Amino acid sequence: MKQHASDIAAFGYGSGAQERARPGGELRKLYVTERARLRRLVRRIVGSADVAEDVVQDAFVKLSGRDIGSADVGLLVRTAQNLARDVMRSDRVRAAYADQMRPEQIAAGPVAPDDAAARREELGDLLDALQALPERTRRIFLLSRVDEVSYPQIARMLGVSVSTVEKDMISAIEFCRSWRRRRG
């Protein structure tokens, strides 16, 4: 089992008698003896050697304020496992968020002032054109597309069925498509 000099230095591992007298000496010994095993265990959970190394380091840092002895290996293992699961959970949340992103939410870079002005003008023209829609259809469309309110919520707000919301949305979307074709 090869130990990295920088890892040992990071926890100030020294000689035996000197080590026992220093606060946290047992944790340093655990670091030297258990780090490789913990890294393998955590790697099986997270699937990455680099992430596993970070999780193991975090586990030792988290326990560094406690009086830990060799009998506390179970606490160390459980801490590392929990931190690994936290990493996996946060990765799933990030992935789910990224999957929900719409293309227009992902910035491709700075928008030129001319393009921004043209987009604002086009949006203004569309909003003006939407005035031709029946009041309820226009309101449903704006609640859904601008305010991102779900169909069931819109139905409750307006006192109509979800089916009515869906039909009005189809009408509004078809109106927008034909408006877009006319602008060409």
C-alpha atoms as a PDB file:
ATOM      1  CA  MET A   1       0.000   0.000   0.000  1.00  0.00           C
ATOM      2  CA  LYS A   2       1.782   3.094  -1.268  1.00  0.00           C
ATOM      3  CA  GLN A   3       1.241   6.296   0.736  1.00  0.00           C
ATOM      4  CA  HIS A   4       1.535   9.739  -0.789  1.00  0.00           C
ATOM      5  CA  ALA A   5       3.933  12.007   1.078  1.00  0.00           C
ATOM      6  CA  SER A   6       1.660  15.009   0.616  1.00  0.00           C
ATOM      7  CA  ASP A   7      -1.302  13.082   2.080  1.00  0.00           C
ATOM      8  CA  ILE A   8       0.676  12.093   5.141  1.00  0.00           C
ATOM      9  CA  ALA A   9       1.989  15.634   5.541  1.00  0.00           C
ATOM     10  CA  ALA A  10      -1.528  17.021   5.200  1.00  0.00           C
ATOM     11  CA  PHE A  11      -2.518  15.300   8.420  1.00  0.00           C
ATOM     12  CA  GLY A  12       0.884  15.826  10.056  1.00  0.00           C
ATOM     13  CA  TYR A  13       1.603  12.120  10.510  1.00  0.00           C
ATOM     14  CA  GLY A  14       4.753  11.671  12.525  1.00  0.00           C
ATOM     15  CA  SER A  15       6.411   9.175  14.872  1.00  0.00           C
ATOM     16  CA  GLY A  16       4.350   6.997  17.248  1.00  0.00           C
ATOM     17  CA  ALA A  17       4.898   8.591  20.705  1.00  0.00           C
ATOM     18  CA  GLN A  18       4.897  12.076  19.287  1.00  0.00           C
ATOM     19  CA  GLU A  19       1.735  11.220  17.331  1.00  0.00           C
ATOM     20  CA  ARG A  20      -0.241   9.973  20.354  1.00  0.00           C
ATOM     21  CA  ALA A  21       0.514  13.152  22.276  1.00  0.00           C
ATOM     22  CA  ARG A  22      -0.730  15.396  19.500  1.00  0.00           C
ATOM     23  CA  PRO A  23      -4.514  16.110  19.288  1.00  0.00           C
ATOM     24  CA  GLY A  24      -6.099  14.280  16.360  1.00  0.00           C
ATOM     25  CA  GLY A  25      -3.229  11.788  16.199  1.00  0.00           C
ATOM     26  CA  GLU A  26      -5.584   8.831  16.026  1.00  0.00           C
ATOM     27  CA  LEU A  27      -7.426  10.391  13.093  1.00  0.00           C
ATOM     28  CA  ARG A  28      -4.100  10.788  11.305  1.00  0.00           C
ATOM     29  CA  LYS A  29      -3.323   7.137  11.908  1.00  0.00           C
ATOM     30  CA  LEU A  30      -6.749   6.179  10.577  1.00  0.00           C
ATOM     31  CA  TYR A  31      -6.060   8.297   7.516  1.00  0.00           C
ATOM     32  CA  VAL A  32      -2.898   6.378   6.790  1.00  0.00           C
ATOM     33  CA  THR A  33      -4.378   2.946   7.472  1.00  0.00           C
ATOM     34  CA  GLU A  34      -7.915   3.347   6.057  1.00  0.00           C
ATOM     35  CA  ARG A  35      -7.653   5.844   3.201  1.00  0.00           C
ATOM     36  CA  ALA A  36      -7.071   3.331   0.403  1.00  0.00           C
ATOM     37  CA  ARG A  37      -9.857   1.025   1.584  1.00  0.00           C
ATOM     38  CA  LEU A  38     -12.282   3.939   1.926  1.00  0.00           C
ATOM     39  CA  ARG A  39     -11.344   5.196  -1.530  1.00  0.00           C
ATOM     40  CA  ARG A  40     -12.173   1.786  -3.046  1.00  0.00           C
ATOM     41  CA  LEU A  41     -15.470   1.625  -1.164  1.00  0.00           C
ATOM     42  CA  VAL A  42     -16.495   5.134  -2.171  1.00  0.00           C
ATOM     43  CA  ARG A  43     -15.388   4.573  -5.772  1.00  0.00           C
ATOM     44  CA  ARG A  44     -17.881   1.690  -6.022  1.00  0.00           C
ATOM     45  CA  ILE A  45     -20.614   4.137  -4.991  1.00  0.00           C
ATOM     46  CA  VAL A  46     -19.672   7.183  -7.077  1.00  0.00           C
ATOM     47  CA  GLY A  47     -17.984   5.473 -10.027  1.00  0.00           C
ATOM     48  CA  SER A  48     -15.030   7.849 -10.225  1.00  0.00           C
ATOM     49  CA  ALA A  49     -11.577   7.655  -8.634  1.00  0.00           C
ATOM     50  CA  ASP A  50     -11.213  11.443  -8.539  1.00  0.00           C
ATOM     51  CA  VAL A  51     -14.594  11.989  -6.893  1.00  0.00           C
ATOM     52  CA  ALA A  52     -13.876   9.139  -4.471  1.00  0.00           C
ATOM     53  CA  GLU A  53     -10.615  10.801  -3.435  1.00  0.00           C
ATOM     54  CA  ASP A  54     -12.461  14.067  -2.769  1.00  0.00           C
ATOM     55  CA  VAL A  55     -15.192  12.306  -0.777  1.00  0.00           C
ATOM     56  CA  VAL A  56     -12.654  10.479   1.384  1.00  0.00           C
ATOM     57  CA  GLN A  57     -10.816  13.737   2.065  1.00  0.00           C
ATOM     58  CA  ASP A  58     -14.139  15.372   2.966  1.00  0.00           C
ATOM     59  CA  ALA A  59     -14.950  12.533   5.365  1.00  0.00           C
ATOM     60  CA  PHE A  60     -11.685  13.026   7.237  1.00  0.00           C
ATOM     61  CA  VAL A  61     -12.134  16.788   7.295  1.00  0.00           C
ATOM     62  CA  LYS A  62     -15.678  16.387   8.608  1.00  0.00           C
ATOM     63  CA  LEU A  63     -14.457  14.199  11.467  1.00  0.00           C
ATOM     64  CA  SER A  64     -11.335  16.238  12.190  1.00  0.00           C
ATOM     65  CA  GLY A  65     -12.976  18.176  15.013  1.00  0.00           C
ATOM     66  CA  ARG A  66     -13.889  15.024  16.927  1.00  0.00           C
ATOM     67  CA  ASP A  67     -11.876  12.807  19.216  1.00  0.00           C
ATOM     68  CA  ILE A  68     -11.640   9.798  16.910  1.00  0.00           C
ATOM     69  CA  GLY A  69      -9.859   6.574  17.740  1.00  0.00           C
ATOM     70  CA  SER A  70      -9.160   3.296  15.975  1.00  0.00           C
ATOM     71  CA  ALA A  71     -12.437   1.942  17.374  1.00  0.00           C
ATOM     72  CA  ASP A  72     -14.312   4.547  15.294  1.00  0.00           C
ATOM     73  CA  VAL A  73     -13.570   3.029  11.887  1.00  0.00           C
ATOM     74  CA  GLY A  74     -17.282   2.319  11.489  1.00  0.00           C
ATOM     75  CA  LEU A  75     -18.095   6.007  11.963  1.00  0.00           C
ATOM     76  CA  LEU A  76     -15.486   6.897   9.384  1.00  0.00           C
ATOM     77  CA  VAL A  77     -16.876   4.365   6.891  1.00  0.00           C
ATOM     78  CA  ARG A  78     -20.463   5.503   7.468  1.00  0.00           C
ATOM     79  CA  THR A  79     -19.463   9.163   7.069  1.00  0.00           C
ATOM     80  CA  ALA A  80     -17.700   8.427   3.784  1.00  0.00           C
ATOM     81  CA  GLN A  81     -20.670   6.385   2.497  1.00  0.00           C
ATOM     82  CA  ASN A  82     -23.129   9.137   3.405  1.00  0.00           C
ATOM     83  CA  LEU A  83     -20.997  11.784   1.722  1.00  0.00           C
ATOM     84  CA  ALA A  84     -20.738   9.580  -1.388  1.00  0.00           C
ATOM     85  CA  ARG A  85     -24.521   9.179  -1.461  1.00  0.00           C
ATOM     86  CA  ASP A  86     -24.897  12.947  -1.081  1.00  0.00           C
ATOM     87  CA  VAL A  87     -22.649  13.428  -4.113  1.00  0.00           C
ATOM     88  CA  MET A  88     -24.727  10.968  -6.148  1.00  0.00           C
ATOM     89  CA  ARG A  89     -27.976  12.626  -5.045  1.00  0.00           C
ATOM     90  CA  SER A  90     -26.743  16.095  -5.988  1.00  0.00           C
ATOM     91  CA  ASP A  91     -25.552  14.770  -9.364  1.00  0.00           C
ATOM     92  CA  ARG A  92     -29.037  13.369 -10.026  1.00  0.00           C
ATOM     93  CA  VAL A  93     -30.637  16.700  -9.101  1.00  0.00           C
ATOM     94  CA  ARG A  94     -28.261  18.580 -11.402  1.00  0.00           C
ATOM     95  CA  ALA A  95     -28.933  16.140 -14.249  1.00  0.00           C
ATOM     96  CA  ALA A  96     -32.700  16.418 -13.785  1.00  0.00           C
ATOM     97  CA  TYR A  97     -32.446  20.208 -13.825  1.00  0.00           C
ATOM     98  CA  ALA A  98     -30.317  20.150 -16.969  1.00  0.00           C
ATOM     99  CA  ASP A  99     -32.835  17.835 -18.668  1.00  0.00           C
ATOM    100  CA  GLN A 100     -35.615  20.342 -17.964  1.00  0.00           C
ATOM    101  CA  MET A 101     -33.735  23.260 -19.502  1.00  0.00           C
ATOM    102  CA  ARG A 102     -35.160  24.567 -22.744  1.00  0.00           C
ATOM    103  CA  PRO A 103     -32.829  25.515 -25.577  1.00  0.00           C
ATOM    104  CA  GLU A 104     -33.702  29.188 -25.164  1.00  0.00           C
ATOM    105  CA  GLN A 105     -32.619  29.029 -21.497  1.00  0.00           C
ATOM    106  CA  ILE A 106     -29.109  27.972 -22.427  1.00  0.00           C
ATOM    107  CA  ALA A 107     -27.158  31.099 -23.256  1.00  0.00           C
ATOM    108  CA  ALA A 108     -25.030  30.718 -26.345  1.00  0.00           C
ATOM    109  CA  GLY A 109     -23.082  33.831 -25.503  1.00  0.00           C
ATOM    110  CA  PRO A 110     -23.653  37.546 -25.482  1.00  0.00           C
ATOM    111  CA  VAL A 111     -26.407  38.809 -27.762  1.00  0.00           C
ATOM    112  CA  ALA A 112     -25.541  41.627 -30.098  1.00  0.00           C
ATOM    113  CA  PRO A 113     -27.508  44.835 -29.413  1.00  0.00           C
ATOM    114  CA  ASP A 114     -29.081  44.692 -32.893  1.00  0.00           C
ATOM    115  CA  ASP A 115     -30.272  41.123 -32.311  1.00  0.00           C
ATOM    116  CA  ALA A 116     -31.659  42.009 -28.889  1.00  0.00           C
ATOM    117  CA  ALA A 117     -33.566  44.965 -30.353  1.00  0.00           C
ATOM    118  CA  ALA A 118     -34.937  42.792 -33.164  1.00  0.00           C
ATOM    119  CA  ARG A 119     -36.081  40.135 -30.677  1.00  0.00           C
ATOM    120  CA  ARG A 120     -37.768  42.733 -28.470  1.00  0.00           C
ATOM    121  CA  GLU A 121     -39.530  44.196 -31.503  1.00  0.00           C
ATOM    122  CA  GLU A 122     -40.656  40.735 -32.635  1.00  0.00           C
ATOM    123  CA  LEU A 123     -41.956  39.937 -29.149  1.00  0.00           C
ATOM    124  CA  GLY A 124     -43.837  43.234 -29.071  1.00  0.00           C
ATOM    125  CA  ASP A 125     -45.361  42.457 -32.465  1.00  0.00           C
ATOM    126  CA  LEU A 126     -46.412  38.998 -31.265  1.00  0.00           C
ATOM    127  CA  LEU A 127     -47.992  40.414 -28.099  1.00  0.00           C
ATOM    128  CA  ASP A 128     -49.887  42.923 -30.253  1.00  0.00           C
ATOM    129  CA  ALA A 129     -51.030  40.121 -32.567  1.00  0.00           C
ATOM    130  CA  LEU A 130     -52.203  38.055 -29.582  1.00  0.00           C
ATOM    131  CA  GLN A 131     -54.811  40.774 -28.940  1.00  0.00           C
ATOM    132  CA  ALA A 132     -56.764  39.217 -31.817  1.00  0.00           C
ATOM    133  CA  LEU A 133     -57.257  36.031 -29.781  1.00  0.00           C
ATOM    134  CA  PRO A 134     -60.276  35.586 -27.536  1.00  0.00           C
ATOM    135  CA  GLU A 135     -59.567  36.856 -23.985  1.00  0.00           C
ATOM    136  CA  ARG A 136     -59.527  33.421 -22.321  1.00  0.00           C
ATOM    137  CA  THR A 137     -57.327  31.857 -25.029  1.00  0.00           C
ATOM    138  CA  ARG A 138     -54.826  34.730 -24.789  1.00  0.00           C
ATOM    139  CA  ARG A 139     -54.784  34.525 -20.985  1.00  0.00           C
ATOM    140  CA  ILE A 140     -54.269  30.737 -21.016  1.00  0.00           C
ATOM    141  CA  PHE A 141     -51.453  31.074 -23.545  1.00  0.00           C
ATOM    142  CA  LEU A 142     -49.643  33.761 -21.546  1.00  0.00           C
ATOM    143  CA  LEU A 143     -50.091  31.917 -18.239  1.00  0.00           C
ATOM    144  CA  SER A 144     -48.648  28.760 -19.775  1.00  0.00           C
ATOM    145  CA  ARG A 145     -45.834  30.152 -21.896  1.00  0.00           C
ATOM    146  CA  VAL A 146     -44.781  33.275 -20.026  1.00  0.00           C
ATOM    147  CA  ASP A 147     -45.645  32.495 -16.412  1.00  0.00           C
ATOM    148  CA  GLU A 148     -44.986  28.718 -16.797  1.00  0.00           C
ATOM    149  CA  VAL A 149     -48.187  27.761 -14.980  1.00  0.00           C
ATOM    150  CA  SER A 150     -49.253  24.134 -15.492  1.00  0.00           C
ATOM    151  CA  TYR A 151     -52.482  23.273 -17.308  1.00  0.00           C
ATOM    152  CA  PRO A 152     -54.212  21.940 -14.159  1.00  0.00           C
ATOM    153  CA  GLN A 153     -53.284  25.123 -12.278  1.00  0.00           C
ATOM    154  CA  ILE A 154     -54.594  27.308 -15.114  1.00  0.00           C
ATOM    155  CA  ALA A 155     -57.826  25.296 -15.169  1.00  0.00           C
ATOM    156  CA  ARG A 156     -58.309  25.879 -11.423  1.00  0.00           C
ATOM    157  CA  MET A 157     -57.445  29.586 -11.717  1.00  0.00           C
ATOM    158  CA  LEU A 158     -59.915  30.199 -14.527  1.00  0.00           C
ATOM    159  CA  GLY A 159     -62.600  27.751 -13.412  1.00  0.00           C
ATOM    160  CA  VAL A 160     -62.467  25.693 -16.603  1.00  0.00           C
ATOM    161  CA  SER A 161     -61.560  22.077 -17.371  1.00  0.00           C
ATOM    162  CA  VAL A 162     -58.052  20.953 -18.270  1.00  0.00           C
ATOM    163  CA  SER A 163     -59.473  19.877 -21.622  1.00  0.00           C
ATOM    164  CA  THR A 164     -60.591  23.479 -22.267  1.00  0.00           C
ATOM    165  CA  VAL A 165     -57.103  24.717 -21.390  1.00  0.00           C
ATOM    166  CA  GLU A 166     -55.576  22.201 -23.809  1.00  0.00           C
ATOM    167  CA  LYS A 167     -57.949  23.199 -26.638  1.00  0.00           C
ATOM    168  CA  ASP A 168     -57.293  26.911 -26.104  1.00  0.00           C
ATOM    169  CA  MET A 169     -53.539  26.259 -26.061  1.00  0.00           C
ATOM    170  CA  ILE A 170     -53.803  24.394 -29.369  1.00  0.00           C
ATOM    171  CA  SER A 171     -55.663  27.363 -30.839  1.00  0.00           C
ATOM    172  CA  ALA A 172     -53.104  29.833 -29.499  1.00  0.00           C
ATOM    173  CA  ILE A 173     -50.130  27.820 -30.736  1.00  0.00           C
ATOM    174  CA  GLU A 174     -51.695  27.436 -34.172  1.00  0.00           C
ATOM    175  CA  PHE A 175     -52.322  31.204 -34.196  1.00  0.00           C
ATOM    176  CA  CYS A 176     -48.637  31.835 -33.370  1.00  0.00           C
ATOM    177  CA  ARG A 177     -47.473  29.462 -36.106  1.00  0.00           C
ATOM    178  CA  SER A 178     -49.596  31.140 -38.739  1.00  0.00           C
ATOM    179  CA  TRP A 179     -48.461  34.581 -37.505  1.00  0.00           C
ATOM    180  CA  ARG A 180     -44.850  33.415 -37.841  1.00  0.00           C
ATOM    181  CA  ARG A 181     -45.436  32.102 -41.382  1.00  0.00           C
ATOM    182  CA  ARG A 182     -47.009  35.417 -42.417  1.00  0.00           C
ATOM    183  CA  ARG A 183     -43.985  37.328 -41.088  1.00  0.00           C
ATOM    184  CA  GLY A 184     -41.815  34.931 -43.072  1.00  0.00           C
END
